[in-house]
Amino acid sequence: MDQRGIIIAVLIVLVMGAAFFSMAEAAYCSINKIKLKNMAEAGSRKAKKALRLAENADRLSSTLLIGSHVMKILACSLATVLFVQGLGYGDSGIALATVVMSVVMLLFAEISPKCIVREAPEKWAVMTANAVSVIQLLLTPINFLFGLWRKLLARLFQPEQDDSLTQEDLLTIVEEAQNEGDLQEHESDLICAAIEFNDLDVKDVLTPRVDVVAVDVTDSLDEIELVFRNNTYSRLPVYENSIDNIVGVIHEKEFYNLYYNHIGTFKSITQTLIYTSPHVKISALLKQLQSSKTHMAVVLDEYGGTAGIITLEDILEELVGEIYDEHDQVKEYYRQIGEDTWQVECDMDLDDMFEFFGLEDEEDYDFITVSGWVIHELERIPKVGETFTYRNLEVTVSRSDARKVSEIQVHVLPVSQMESEADQKEV
């Protein structure tokens, strides 16, 4: 083999070396450490080695950058010698070598390796782990010097930052996992609900006072039996004199034992319950309910009156979604009644309605229901037929009484119509 053949062979090796370092860099920059950790725990030695390399990102980065630049510099230098002396292009060979090597390096040592690695970075990180470990060991002195230089730069220029994962970061990770197909939609929803679980207060979940079905301690057994029969609840709060003084709760099974079999007394089947505040986190209340072996809590307002009740099922539904049994009636909060027009029940959660219509709630309201929002927007309890516009929603009150709004009709306006109306207002 003549001198030109040797130079060309060495050039090919150098380009392949540059491609190797580019491939390793792309792999370690894109790996999912959780997947790599799972592979390591499954017994893969190379995965354990790759994980150790990834955990020392600064040293790894220095190793790969040094290796890549050495390969590229040597390749470009040899190419210049080949074009100037070996191929006899003279001074014009420098420019020609620069153009040819730029194309070769870009195509074979940058774009192609990174495209190959992108689909399975964990696989390629594991495959290159042994070679990268050896090269990193050989470059230890140089990496040490670069480590000192990095520390100096960090002290001079790098601001302090918090590397801990925030809730928003976790939600983004879950969303990306769902988009990549690693998680099903229901799995993603469950994880997101668990992450956001601690943000919810009791007031966000409780059954309000006006919707509480309860019985008086002075009611006859027949009257209480009628309440059980006309409702689907397995437990009923018991109050004395006023619903502001709830003293306990009775279970359907124990009540019917008393009613039909005369087992026990009404006082004996009345179980104690716990009291809580609207501003307690439901995660904290869940622990209280578990420790007290209670399924229901009374929510007291700041004056000591009853603001509502909350059950263990209400809390669990925030994690897993609505729980229905064979006796529950599934309530439809939305019903389409025309093109781009929906009928909405106003006792539903306002955030859910905004999400349904694709809106982002930019305000922090003190209320949580659609009824409270409508009253807030109109600044009074409205009458049937009153209308207002909120962003691209035209809202009409379709059912209300003197105390609250029960139902609205929402017409979604086209964006073009909203823009034209905005232009007319400006004119």
Protein backbone atom coordinates (compact mmCIF):
# COMPACT_ATOMS: atom_id res chain seq x y z
CA MET A 1 0.00 0.00 0.00
CA ASP A 2 1.42 3.41 -1.00
CA GLN A 3 1.51 6.51 1.19
CA ARG A 4 -1.83 7.83 -0.13
CA GLY A 5 -3.53 4.54 0.65
CA ILE A 6 -2.22 4.57 4.18
CA ILE A 7 -3.42 8.19 4.70
CA ILE A 8 -6.86 7.35 3.30
CA ALA A 9 -7.13 4.27 5.60
CA VAL A 10 -6.11 6.34 8.62
CA LEU A 11 -8.62 9.02 7.60
CA ILE A 12 -11.40 6.44 7.51
CA VAL A 13 -10.42 5.22 10.98
CA LEU A 14 -10.37 8.80 12.31
CA VAL A 15 -13.81 9.57 10.83
CA MET A 16 -15.16 6.37 12.40
CA GLY A 17 -13.58 7.40 15.70
CA ALA A 18 -15.24 10.83 15.50
CA ALA A 19 -18.53 9.09 14.69
CA PHE A 20 -18.09 6.84 17.74
CA PHE A 21 -17.60 9.80 20.09
CA SER A 22 -20.51 11.66 18.50
CA MET A 23 -22.70 8.58 18.89
CA ALA A 24 -21.70 8.14 22.55
CA GLU A 25 -22.30 11.84 23.28
CA ALA A 26 -25.77 11.74 21.70
CA ALA A 27 -26.62 8.53 23.58
CA TYR A 28 -25.61 9.79 27.02
CA CYS A 29 -27.28 13.16 26.47
CA SER A 30 -30.59 11.50 25.56
CA ILE A 31 -30.77 8.51 27.90
CA ASN A 32 -33.59 7.97 30.33
CA LYS A 33 -31.80 7.21 33.60
CA ILE A 34 -34.87 5.43 34.94
CA LYS A 35 -34.78 2.96 32.04
CA LEU A 36 -31.04 2.53 32.45
CA LYS A 37 -31.47 1.91 36.18
CA ASN A 38 -34.13 -0.72 35.47
CA MET A 39 -31.73 -2.47 33.05
CA ALA A 40 -29.00 -2.37 35.71
CA GLU A 41 -31.32 -3.81 38.35
CA ALA A 42 -32.22 -6.57 35.90
CA GLY A 43 -28.56 -7.70 36.02
CA SER A 44 -26.91 -5.95 33.06
CA ARG A 45 -23.28 -5.18 33.98
CA LYS A 46 -22.84 -2.85 31.02
CA ALA A 47 -25.96 -0.96 32.08
CA LYS A 48 -24.48 -0.51 35.57
CA LYS A 49 -21.28 0.81 34.02
CA ALA A 50 -23.23 3.14 31.71
CA LEU A 51 -25.23 4.41 34.69
CA ARG A 52 -22.02 5.18 36.61
CA LEU A 53 -20.69 7.09 33.60
CA ALA A 54 -23.92 9.05 33.24
CA GLU A 55 -23.96 10.01 36.92
CA ASN A 56 -20.60 11.80 36.52
CA ALA A 57 -21.78 13.97 33.64
CA ASP A 58 -18.94 16.52 33.74
CA ARG A 59 -16.17 13.94 33.49
CA LEU A 60 -18.04 12.03 30.78
CA SER A 61 -18.65 15.19 28.77
CA SER A 62 -14.95 16.14 28.91
CA THR A 63 -13.89 12.66 27.79
CA LEU A 64 -16.24 12.61 24.79
CA LEU A 65 -15.48 16.17 23.71
CA ILE A 66 -11.73 15.67 23.94
CA GLY A 67 -11.90 12.40 22.00
CA SER A 68 -14.19 13.89 19.34
CA HIS A 69 -12.05 17.01 18.81
CA VAL A 70 -8.79 15.04 18.65
CA MET A 71 -10.27 12.78 15.97
CA LYS A 72 -11.59 15.71 13.92
CA ILE A 73 -8.38 17.75 14.16
CA LEU A 74 -6.21 14.79 13.14
CA ALA A 75 -8.58 13.92 10.30
CA CYS A 76 -8.61 17.47 8.93
CA SER A 77 -4.81 17.72 9.20
CA LEU A 78 -4.27 14.43 7.36
CA ALA A 79 -6.82 15.41 4.70
CA THR A 80 -4.92 18.64 4.08
CA VAL A 81 -1.64 16.69 3.65
CA LEU A 82 -3.40 14.26 1.29
CA PHE A 83 -4.89 16.96 -0.95
CA VAL A 84 -1.81 19.22 -0.97
CA GLN A 85 0.97 16.61 -1.31
CA GLY A 86 -0.54 13.22 -2.08
CA LEU A 87 -2.99 14.37 -4.75
CA GLY A 88 -0.89 17.33 -5.91
CA TYR A 89 -3.44 20.11 -5.64
CA GLY A 90 -0.92 22.53 -4.18
CA ASP A 91 -2.21 25.56 -2.34
CA SER A 92 -5.78 25.02 -3.59
CA GLY A 93 -5.74 21.66 -1.80
CA ILE A 94 -6.17 23.41 1.56
CA ALA A 95 -9.53 24.88 0.57
CA LEU A 96 -10.57 21.65 -1.14
CA ALA A 97 -9.64 19.57 1.92
CA THR A 98 -11.61 21.94 4.17
CA VAL A 99 -14.75 21.63 2.03
CA VAL A 100 -14.54 17.84 1.62
CA MET A 101 -13.81 17.14 5.30
CA SER A 102 -16.55 19.52 6.44
CA VAL A 103 -19.07 17.56 4.37
CA VAL A 104 -17.67 14.17 5.43
CA MET A 105 -17.55 15.06 9.13
CA LEU A 106 -20.99 16.64 9.11
CA LEU A 107 -22.57 13.70 7.31
CA PHE A 108 -20.72 10.70 8.76
CA ALA A 109 -19.47 11.96 12.15
CA GLU A 110 -22.39 14.17 13.26
CA ILE A 111 -25.76 13.74 11.52
CA SER A 112 -25.73 9.99 10.81
CA PRO A 113 -24.56 8.79 14.27
CA LYS A 114 -27.02 11.03 16.08
CA CYS A 115 -29.91 9.91 13.86
CA ILE A 116 -29.04 6.27 14.55
CA VAL A 117 -28.79 6.78 18.32
CA ARG A 118 -31.91 8.91 18.75
CA GLU A 119 -34.38 6.01 18.59
CA ALA A 120 -32.70 3.91 21.31
CA PRO A 121 -30.15 5.95 23.30
CA GLU A 122 -30.12 3.51 26.26
CA LYS A 123 -29.13 0.64 23.94
CA TRP A 124 -26.22 2.57 22.43
CA ALA A 125 -25.09 3.91 25.80
CA VAL A 126 -24.82 0.33 27.04
CA MET A 127 -23.00 -0.79 23.88
CA THR A 128 -20.36 1.95 24.16
CA ALA A 129 -19.97 1.80 27.95
CA ASN A 130 -16.84 -0.40 28.03
CA ALA A 131 -14.95 1.60 25.40
CA VAL A 132 -15.90 4.94 26.95
CA SER A 133 -14.76 3.69 30.38
CA VAL A 134 -11.32 2.76 29.03
CA ILE A 135 -10.91 6.09 27.20
CA GLN A 136 -12.06 7.98 30.30
CA LEU A 137 -9.44 6.16 32.36
CA LEU A 138 -6.69 7.03 29.83
CA LEU A 139 -7.71 10.69 29.87
CA THR A 140 -7.81 10.94 33.69
CA PRO A 141 -4.99 13.54 33.96
CA ILE A 142 -6.56 15.78 31.32
CA ASN A 143 -10.03 15.35 32.87
CA PHE A 144 -8.57 16.36 36.24
CA LEU A 145 -7.23 19.61 34.79
CA PHE A 146 -10.51 20.32 33.02
CA GLY A 147 -12.34 19.61 36.29
CA LEU A 148 -10.34 22.33 38.04
CA TRP A 149 -11.08 24.71 35.17
CA ARG A 150 -14.81 23.94 35.38
CA LYS A 151 -14.84 24.64 39.12
CA LEU A 152 -13.14 27.99 38.53
CA LEU A 153 -15.69 28.95 35.85
CA ALA A 154 -18.55 27.84 38.10
CA ARG A 155 -17.36 30.11 40.88
CA LEU A 156 -16.92 33.06 38.53
CA PHE A 157 -20.00 32.82 36.33
CA GLN A 158 -22.46 30.07 37.25
CA PRO A 159 -25.44 31.22 39.40
CA GLU A 160 -26.79 29.03 42.16
CA GLN A 161 -29.62 26.79 41.02
CA ASP A 162 -31.94 24.27 42.56
CA ASP A 163 -31.55 20.89 40.85
CA SER A 164 -34.47 19.28 42.69
CA LEU A 165 -37.49 18.23 40.65
CA THR A 166 -40.57 20.42 41.03
CA GLN A 167 -44.16 19.29 40.66
CA GLU A 168 -44.27 20.90 37.21
CA ASP A 169 -41.16 18.92 36.20
CA LEU A 170 -42.78 15.66 37.30
CA LEU A 171 -45.98 16.43 35.39
CA THR A 172 -43.92 17.23 32.27
CA ILE A 173 -42.06 13.91 32.60
CA VAL A 174 -45.37 12.04 32.84
CA GLU A 175 -46.74 13.91 29.81
CA GLU A 176 -43.64 13.07 27.76
CA ALA A 177 -43.86 9.42 28.82
CA GLN A 178 -47.48 9.33 27.64
CA ASN A 179 -46.59 11.00 24.32
CA GLU A 180 -43.80 8.49 23.75
CA GLY A 181 -46.17 5.60 24.41
CA ASP A 182 -44.53 4.41 27.64
CA LEU A 183 -47.72 5.21 29.60
CA GLN A 184 -51.37 4.73 28.75
CA GLU A 185 -53.72 7.69 29.20
CA HIS A 186 -55.39 6.21 32.30
CA GLU A 187 -51.97 5.50 33.84
CA SER A 188 -50.84 9.04 33.13
CA ASP A 189 -54.04 10.47 34.65
CA LEU A 190 -53.56 8.39 37.81
CA ILE A 191 -49.93 9.51 38.26
CA CYS A 192 -50.84 13.17 37.64
CA ALA A 193 -53.68 12.92 40.15
CA ALA A 194 -51.29 11.46 42.73
CA ILE A 195 -48.77 14.27 42.11
CA GLU A 196 -51.42 16.99 42.44
CA PHE A 197 -53.21 15.24 45.31
CA ASN A 198 -51.48 17.26 48.03
CA ASP A 199 -52.53 20.57 46.43
CA LEU A 200 -56.24 19.97 47.09
CA ASP A 201 -57.99 21.37 50.14
CA VAL A 202 -61.12 19.97 51.76
CA LYS A 203 -63.12 22.90 50.35
CA ASP A 204 -62.30 21.70 46.83
CA VAL A 205 -63.88 18.29 47.42
CA LEU A 206 -66.61 18.59 50.07
CA THR A 207 -70.33 18.15 49.55
CA PRO A 208 -71.76 21.60 50.37
CA ARG A 209 -74.25 22.09 53.18
CA VAL A 210 -77.19 22.68 50.83
CA ASP A 211 -76.68 19.23 49.28
CA VAL A 212 -76.20 17.33 52.54
CA VAL A 213 -78.89 14.73 53.27
CA ALA A 214 -79.13 14.21 57.05
CA VAL A 215 -81.60 13.09 59.72
CA ASP A 216 -82.57 14.51 63.11
CA VAL A 217 -82.05 12.50 66.28
CA THR A 218 -85.76 13.03 67.00
CA ASP A 219 -86.90 11.54 63.68
CA SER A 220 -88.81 8.27 63.91
CA LEU A 221 -87.35 5.07 62.48
CA ASP A 222 -89.95 5.14 59.73
CA GLU A 223 -88.93 8.66 58.71
CA ILE A 224 -85.26 7.68 58.65
CA GLU A 225 -86.04 4.52 56.68
CA LEU A 226 -87.82 6.68 54.10
CA VAL A 227 -84.72 8.87 53.76
CA PHE A 228 -82.54 5.79 53.18
CA ARG A 229 -85.03 4.44 50.66
CA ASN A 230 -85.29 7.68 48.71
CA ASN A 231 -81.51 8.15 48.51
CA THR A 232 -78.58 5.96 47.51
CA TYR A 233 -76.35 6.73 50.49
CA SER A 234 -75.00 3.99 52.74
CA ARG A 235 -74.41 6.48 55.56
CA LEU A 236 -76.42 9.44 56.85
CA PRO A 237 -75.24 12.23 59.15
CA VAL A 238 -77.29 12.71 62.31
CA TYR A 239 -77.88 16.20 63.69
CA GLU A 240 -79.46 17.54 66.87
CA ASN A 241 -81.82 20.55 66.56
CA SER A 242 -79.99 21.98 63.53
CA ILE A 243 -77.75 20.70 60.73
CA ASP A 244 -75.11 23.02 62.20
CA ASN A 245 -74.88 20.53 65.07
CA ILE A 246 -74.07 17.17 63.46
CA VAL A 247 -73.42 14.70 66.26
CA GLY A 248 -72.75 11.43 64.44
CA VAL A 249 -73.45 9.17 61.49
CA ILE A 250 -75.52 6.01 61.02
CA HIS A 251 -74.79 3.14 58.64
CA GLU A 252 -77.52 1.66 56.47
CA LYS A 253 -76.74 -1.95 57.45
CA GLU A 254 -76.85 -1.27 61.20
CA PHE A 255 -79.99 0.83 60.82
CA TYR A 256 -81.91 -1.93 59.03
CA ASN A 257 -80.77 -4.39 61.69
CA LEU A 258 -82.42 -2.08 64.22
CA TYR A 259 -85.44 -1.38 62.01
CA TYR A 260 -86.33 -4.98 61.14
CA ASN A 261 -84.60 -7.08 63.79
CA HIS A 262 -84.68 -4.61 66.70
CA ILE A 263 -80.97 -5.17 67.34
CA GLY A 264 -79.50 -2.31 69.40
CA THR A 265 -80.79 1.23 69.87
CA PHE A 266 -80.62 4.32 67.72
CA LYS A 267 -78.01 5.80 70.06
CA SER A 268 -75.88 2.65 69.90
CA ILE A 269 -75.77 2.63 66.10
CA THR A 270 -74.91 6.32 65.90
CA GLN A 271 -71.16 6.41 65.34
CA THR A 272 -68.91 9.33 66.11
CA LEU A 273 -67.20 11.19 63.29
CA ILE A 274 -64.41 13.74 63.03
CA TYR A 275 -64.55 17.45 62.34
CA THR A 276 -62.27 19.34 59.99
CA SER A 277 -61.70 22.72 58.36
CA PRO A 278 -62.21 23.69 54.69
CA HIS A 279 -58.53 24.60 54.44
CA VAL A 280 -57.10 21.24 55.57
CA LYS A 281 -55.27 19.29 52.85
CA ILE A 282 -57.21 16.19 51.80
CA SER A 283 -53.99 14.16 52.07
CA ALA A 284 -53.82 15.03 55.79
CA LEU A 285 -57.54 14.33 56.25
CA LEU A 286 -57.14 10.95 54.56
CA LYS A 287 -54.64 9.94 57.25
CA GLN A 288 -57.03 11.14 59.96
CA LEU A 289 -59.89 9.10 58.52
CA GLN A 290 -57.68 6.02 58.26
CA SER A 291 -56.36 6.30 61.82
CA SER A 292 -59.83 6.92 63.28
CA LYS A 293 -61.42 4.18 61.10
CA THR A 294 -64.05 6.71 60.02
CA HIS A 295 -65.53 7.18 56.56
CA MET A 296 -66.99 10.66 56.99
CA ALA A 297 -65.93 14.05 58.35
CA VAL A 298 -67.97 17.19 59.03
CA VAL A 299 -66.48 20.36 57.56
CA LEU A 300 -66.94 23.36 59.86
CA ASP A 301 -66.83 26.97 58.73
CA GLU A 302 -65.07 29.74 60.67
CA TYR A 303 -68.15 30.27 62.85
CA GLY A 304 -68.44 26.61 63.86
CA GLY A 305 -71.41 25.93 61.59
CA THR A 306 -71.58 23.12 59.06
CA ALA A 307 -69.99 24.03 55.71
CA GLY A 308 -70.53 20.52 54.36
CA ILE A 309 -69.36 16.94 54.68
CA ILE A 310 -66.57 14.96 53.07
CA THR A 311 -66.28 11.19 52.80
CA LEU A 312 -63.44 8.78 52.23
CA GLU A 313 -64.91 8.05 48.81
CA ASP A 314 -64.79 11.76 47.90
CA ILE A 315 -61.06 11.81 48.62
CA LEU A 316 -60.30 8.58 46.76
CA GLU A 317 -62.21 9.83 43.72
CA GLU A 318 -59.66 12.63 43.40
CA LEU A 319 -57.09 9.92 42.74
CA VAL A 320 -58.93 7.34 40.64
CA GLY A 321 -61.86 9.30 39.23
CA GLU A 322 -65.56 8.86 39.88
CA ILE A 323 -66.53 5.66 41.69
CA TYR A 324 -70.02 4.40 40.85
CA ASP A 325 -71.88 1.45 42.26
CA GLU A 326 -74.94 -0.30 40.87
CA HIS A 327 -77.29 2.14 42.62
CA ASP A 328 -75.59 5.39 41.59
CA GLN A 329 -77.04 7.51 38.84
CA VAL A 330 -74.33 8.80 36.50
CA LYS A 331 -74.80 12.53 36.26
CA GLU A 332 -74.02 14.21 32.95
CA TYR A 333 -72.59 17.64 33.55
CA TYR A 334 -72.44 18.45 29.81
CA ARG A 335 -75.01 17.84 27.13
CA GLN A 336 -74.70 19.09 23.58
CA ILE A 337 -77.92 20.75 22.48
CA GLY A 338 -76.80 22.31 19.21
CA GLU A 339 -73.84 23.07 17.02
CA ASP A 340 -71.13 24.48 19.32
CA THR A 341 -73.74 24.84 22.11
CA TRP A 342 -73.69 22.92 25.38
CA GLN A 343 -75.92 22.67 28.40
CA VAL A 344 -73.84 22.70 31.61
CA GLU A 345 -74.88 21.79 35.15
CA CYS A 346 -73.66 24.51 37.50
CA ASP A 347 -72.76 22.35 40.48
CA MET A 348 -69.74 21.00 38.62
CA ASP A 349 -66.15 22.07 39.24
CA LEU A 350 -65.20 25.29 37.45
CA ASP A 351 -61.70 24.00 36.56
CA ASP A 352 -63.27 20.96 34.88
CA MET A 353 -65.52 23.19 32.77
CA PHE A 354 -62.59 25.38 31.70
CA GLU A 355 -60.62 22.27 30.78
CA PHE A 356 -63.58 20.89 28.82
CA PHE A 357 -63.78 24.05 26.70
CA GLY A 358 -60.00 24.33 26.33
CA LEU A 359 -59.54 27.43 28.48
CA GLU A 360 -56.78 28.20 30.95
CA ASP A 361 -57.94 29.73 34.22
CA GLU A 362 -55.68 32.73 34.79
CA GLU A 363 -57.49 33.96 37.92
CA ASP A 364 -57.46 32.58 41.46
CA TYR A 365 -61.12 32.43 42.46
CA ASP A 366 -62.44 31.92 46.00
CA PHE A 367 -65.23 29.66 44.67
CA ILE A 368 -64.98 26.30 42.93
CA THR A 369 -68.33 25.75 41.17
CA VAL A 370 -69.69 27.04 37.90
CA SER A 371 -72.61 28.58 39.82
CA GLY A 372 -70.22 30.72 41.88
CA TRP A 373 -68.39 31.78 38.71
CA VAL A 374 -71.61 32.88 36.94
CA ILE A 375 -72.70 34.90 39.99
CA HIS A 376 -69.22 36.45 40.14
CA GLU A 377 -69.27 37.44 36.47
CA LEU A 378 -72.76 39.01 36.65
CA GLU A 379 -72.15 40.42 40.17
CA ARG A 380 -75.55 39.16 41.40
CA ILE A 381 -77.72 36.06 41.42
CA PRO A 382 -79.03 36.25 37.84
CA LYS A 383 -82.41 35.54 36.38
CA VAL A 384 -83.14 33.07 33.61
CA GLY A 385 -82.15 34.49 30.22
CA GLU A 386 -79.32 36.76 31.38
CA THR A 387 -76.22 36.52 29.22
CA PHE A 388 -72.53 37.40 29.36
CA THR A 389 -69.43 36.64 27.29
CA TYR A 390 -66.23 35.19 28.73
CA ARG A 391 -63.39 34.94 26.23
CA ASN A 392 -64.85 32.80 23.40
CA LEU A 393 -67.80 31.53 25.47
CA GLU A 394 -71.25 33.08 25.27
CA VAL A 395 -73.02 32.06 28.50
CA THR A 396 -76.80 32.17 29.02
CA VAL A 397 -78.50 31.35 32.32
CA SER A 398 -81.14 28.68 31.63
CA ARG A 399 -82.16 27.69 35.18
CA SER A 400 -81.74 29.48 38.51
CA ASP A 401 -83.52 30.36 41.72
CA ALA A 402 -83.12 32.92 44.45
CA ARG A 403 -80.12 31.09 45.95
CA LYS A 404 -77.98 29.81 43.10
CA VAL A 405 -77.63 29.16 39.38
CA SER A 406 -78.49 25.57 38.46
CA GLU A 407 -77.88 25.41 34.71
CA ILE A 408 -76.36 27.45 31.89
CA GLN A 409 -76.07 27.18 28.14
CA VAL A 410 -72.62 27.75 26.69
CA HIS A 411 -72.14 28.67 23.04
CA VAL A 412 -68.56 28.44 21.77
CA LEU A 413 -67.86 31.37 19.46
CA PRO A 414 -65.48 30.95 16.49
CA VAL A 415 -62.13 32.69 16.91
CA SER A 416 -62.74 34.77 13.75
CA GLN A 417 -66.00 36.11 15.21
CA MET A 418 -64.26 37.03 18.46
CA GLU A 419 -61.56 38.89 16.53
CA SER A 420 -64.11 40.82 14.47
CA GLU A 421 -66.05 41.84 17.61
CA ALA A 422 -62.81 42.96 19.23
CA ASP A 423 -61.96 45.04 16.14
CA GLN A 424 -65.40 46.69 16.22
CA LYS A 425 -64.94 47.62 19.89
CA GLU A 426 -61.59 49.22 19.09
CA VAL A 427 -63.15 51.26 16.28
